Amino acid sequence: MPQLFEVGSWVMLLLTLVILAVKIFALVTSLRFTPEHYQAADKLTKQAWVAILGLGVVANVLMPRPTGLLNLAFTIAALVYLADVRPALMSLTRR
């Protein structure tokens, strides 16, 4: 039976690392755009998104349990940024 628990531990570690990578990617891409891009796309301000995504990365590092309520909230915020905000910002920079 210990092997079963080892598999579960590896799955949780992999899930934690994938979620952390998604949050870091969202944070880095949020830094690429100017505050004017966010305003033109009619989204939250750059400072708000950087704060939300930065806190999400910090929360993931300090509390690496991906199923915790705080981590789930920040994961959803990162996914919202990647699915809604980032495409809107990128559409403003395409030529």
Protein backbone atom coordinates (compact mmCIF):
# COMPACT_ATOMS: atom_id res chain seq x y z
CA MET A 1 0.00 0.00 0.00
CA PRO A 2 2.85 2.51 0.55
CA GLN A 3 3.42 2.59 -3.21
CA LEU A 4 -0.09 3.93 -3.73
CA PHE A 5 0.60 6.82 -1.37
CA GLU A 6 3.88 7.53 -3.15
CA VAL A 7 2.02 7.86 -6.44
CA GLY A 8 -0.44 10.27 -4.83
CA SER A 9 2.42 12.35 -3.48
CA TRP A 10 4.08 12.55 -6.89
CA VAL A 11 0.79 13.53 -8.52
CA MET A 12 0.26 16.33 -5.98
CA LEU A 13 3.84 17.54 -6.48
CA LEU A 14 3.38 17.56 -10.25
CA LEU A 15 0.06 19.37 -9.93
CA THR A 16 1.63 21.96 -7.62
CA LEU A 17 4.50 22.58 -10.04
CA VAL A 18 2.19 22.88 -13.06
CA ILE A 19 -0.06 25.35 -11.26
CA LEU A 20 2.99 27.34 -10.12
CA ALA A 21 4.28 27.44 -13.70
CA VAL A 22 0.92 28.70 -14.96
CA LYS A 23 0.86 31.45 -12.32
CA ILE A 24 4.44 32.51 -13.09
CA PHE A 25 3.67 32.58 -16.81
CA ALA A 26 0.60 34.74 -16.20
CA LEU A 27 2.59 37.11 -13.96
CA VAL A 28 5.43 37.49 -16.45
CA THR A 29 3.09 38.14 -19.35
CA SER A 30 1.13 40.68 -17.31
CA LEU A 31 4.32 42.68 -16.87
CA ARG A 32 4.89 42.92 -20.64
CA PHE A 33 2.00 45.30 -21.27
CA THR A 34 1.75 48.98 -20.40
CA PRO A 35 -0.97 50.41 -18.15
CA GLU A 36 -2.47 52.04 -21.25
CA HIS A 37 -3.00 48.61 -22.82
CA TYR A 38 -5.09 47.53 -19.84
CA GLN A 39 -7.11 50.74 -20.00
CA ALA A 40 -7.67 50.40 -23.75
CA ALA A 41 -8.80 46.79 -23.30
CA ASP A 42 -11.23 47.93 -20.57
CA LYS A 43 -9.77 45.54 -17.98
CA LEU A 44 -8.56 45.95 -14.42
CA THR A 45 -5.46 48.09 -14.09
CA LYS A 46 -2.00 46.70 -14.62
CA GLN A 47 -1.18 47.24 -10.95
CA ALA A 48 -4.23 45.22 -9.91
CA TRP A 49 -3.40 42.28 -12.17
CA VAL A 50 0.27 42.28 -11.20
CA ALA A 51 -0.71 42.35 -7.51
CA ILE A 52 -3.25 39.53 -7.90
CA LEU A 53 -0.93 37.33 -9.93
CA GLY A 54 2.09 38.12 -7.76
CA LEU A 55 0.20 37.24 -4.60
CA GLY A 56 -0.89 34.04 -6.31
CA VAL A 57 2.72 33.05 -6.95
CA VAL A 58 3.69 33.89 -3.37
CA ALA A 59 0.73 31.93 -2.00
CA ASN A 60 1.65 28.95 -4.15
CA VAL A 61 5.25 29.00 -2.89
CA LEU A 62 4.39 29.52 0.79
CA MET A 63 1.39 27.17 0.86
CA PRO A 64 2.07 24.57 -1.81
CA ARG A 65 -1.22 22.71 -1.32
CA PRO A 66 -2.99 23.15 -4.68
CA THR A 67 -6.35 22.23 -3.19
CA GLY A 68 -6.31 24.98 -0.57
CA LEU A 69 -9.02 27.61 -0.90
CA LEU A 70 -6.58 30.50 -1.32
CA ASN A 71 -4.54 28.68 -3.96
CA LEU A 72 -7.69 27.72 -5.83
CA ALA A 73 -8.84 31.35 -5.89
CA PHE A 74 -5.48 32.56 -7.22
CA THR A 75 -5.37 29.73 -9.77
CA ILE A 76 -8.78 30.78 -11.06
CA ALA A 77 -7.57 34.39 -11.23
CA ALA A 78 -4.52 33.32 -13.27
CA LEU A 79 -6.72 31.28 -15.61
CA VAL A 80 -9.10 34.23 -16.04
CA TYR A 81 -6.14 36.44 -16.89
CA LEU A 82 -4.85 33.94 -19.44
CA ALA A 83 -8.26 33.25 -20.99
CA ASP A 84 -9.73 36.76 -21.03
CA VAL A 85 -7.29 39.58 -20.28
CA ARG A 86 -4.18 38.39 -22.12
CA PRO A 87 -5.97 37.80 -25.46
CA ALA A 88 -7.56 41.25 -25.22
CA LEU A 89 -4.19 42.84 -24.54
CA MET A 90 -2.49 40.90 -27.31
CA SER A 91 -5.16 41.95 -29.81
CA LEU A 92 -4.17 45.57 -29.15
CA THR A 93 -0.52 44.94 -30.00
CA ARG A 94 -1.01 42.91 -33.20
CA ARG A 95 -0.30 44.64 -36.47
